[in-house]
Amino acid sequence: QLQLVESGGGLVQPGGSATLSCEAPGLDYYHVTWFREAPGKGLEGLACINSVSLEANYAASVRNRFTISRDNAKNAVYLQMHNVNAEDTAIYFCAAHYPIYRHCVIYSDVNEYAHRGQGTQVTVAP
């Protein structure tokens, strides 16, 4: 069982930046997607990154503000968030998908993923 652990959340000033991390031994094998969930807004897939090619895909809502990256030597995937606003307040978690396809996919159903973490809270406030 892959134990995904997210970190890097906390209080962020509006307009500021934050970097979230997702780590687990063996994570380098998987395509990884970042999600967020906010009260009353449901689950939102944000970005995914391919296990080998490092190709990334983004949801339109975050494409120009968030950057997903990974360091396979460290079994880590990162989400850089820039110019955040109150709408970005949510629990952020990562999920790992078997690399069945050449390109990573942001699945709307988190049950499509083999593993997921518990998440880290990001709160955007002055």
Foldseek 3Di string as FASTA:
>chain_A
DWEWDKDWADEDEQQAKTKMKIATVPLLQWWKWKWWDDVPPGIDTAKIAGSPPRDMDGDPVCVVFWDWGDDVVRRMIMIMGGNDDQVPWTWMKMFTAHPPDRDDDRDPDSVNGPDMYPTDTHGYDD
